[in-house]
Amino acid sequence: MRMKRIGTIGVAGAGILGVLALTGCAADTKASGGGDDKVVLAEPSWVGATANAAVVKKLLEDELDVKVEAKQMDEPVAFDALNSGKADAILEDWHGVPKKEKLYVEKKKTVVSGGDLGVVGHIGWFVPKYWADKHPDAVKDFKKLNKYYKDFRTSESGKLGHFIGAAPSYSQHDKELIKNFDMKFKHIPSGAEAAQLKELKRLYDAKKPFLTYWWEPQWMNEKIDMVEVKLPKHTPGCEVPASKAKCGYETNQLEKFLNADFAKSNSKAAQFIKNFHWSTEDQNEVAGMIAGEKMDPEDAAAKWIKENKSKWEKWIPKK
């Protein structure tokens, strides 16, 4: 499932949110054994992360007889838990906490990379294609959105255009971009992925204009046709500090991170997680079953596993 495009403007869509709420409960978990007895996965609060965890959990339990516990925690909490040993792995990291990554990975060396997930993540500003077709100038240059801000006004945004922001826990600097470029828009956070998707689908079905933070991988890209607005090119560190950000977002190879002791344990569970590598299409398929078809994550994982043995059997350690 790929973000649909218009002319040369559309860009591979952006990556990410969850139907489950963030609990931040890592501090209450007990350290795992870091081996084959039990594995604790840090599961961020977006549905793609739920898809990752569901497939890994089921395969570890069914194929390697390893008990798995998935704990809801987004990147900041997850890195602390990986450092302390209260979590063994996070399967999808967007490099959204560079300070913690530098501290634990580079300085303390208590957390190590588990390799690429195989999924490419991208964030940006998007509008529905039916609006972009009528206003191609605004899609080619985000500053031109100011000409049409009245199209996006809502009761919540008042005299300004309504910018549909992401859940507060996600990597973002849209509010700062709006301020730094004197955009005639009000940044209004969605609260959670499920709420944002529901609102976008409502607006899309009604053929109403909207401007939103959006990402890939995202299963709903198959359901709604959107076009990316061209923001200033991202360069390393251009959004730091966020208060001075005047650039868009980078495209990331999403990465796995493991507790260092767990990674060095030579356990089958650790090796399996290092081997775990699937595509954006694979993740969107499982995420779509969970969020779109309202399937239980375990059932969605079981269905994908049944139909994709040739893919996952390569992840099973040989020894």
Foldseek 3Di string as FASTA:
>chain_A
DFADADDPLFDTFADDFAPDDADLCLVVADADPLFQAEAEEEAEGTLLSLLVCLQLQVCSCPPVVGHYHYHYHDDVSVLVSLLVRSHFKYQWDPCQCVVSCCCCVVPVNQKHWLWFQQEKGHKAKKKAVVVCVVPVVCQAAVLCVLVVQVLQDDPVWPPGHEEEEEAPVDRDLVQLQCVQSVRRYDYDYQNGPLSVVVVVVVCQVVVGIYMYIIMPPDLCSVVTHMGGRDAADDDPPQCVPVNRHRTTIDMDRTTMMGRNSSCPVPHQSNQLSSLNHDYSVLSSQLSCCCSVVVDDSNVSSVVSCVVPVVPNVRSGDPD
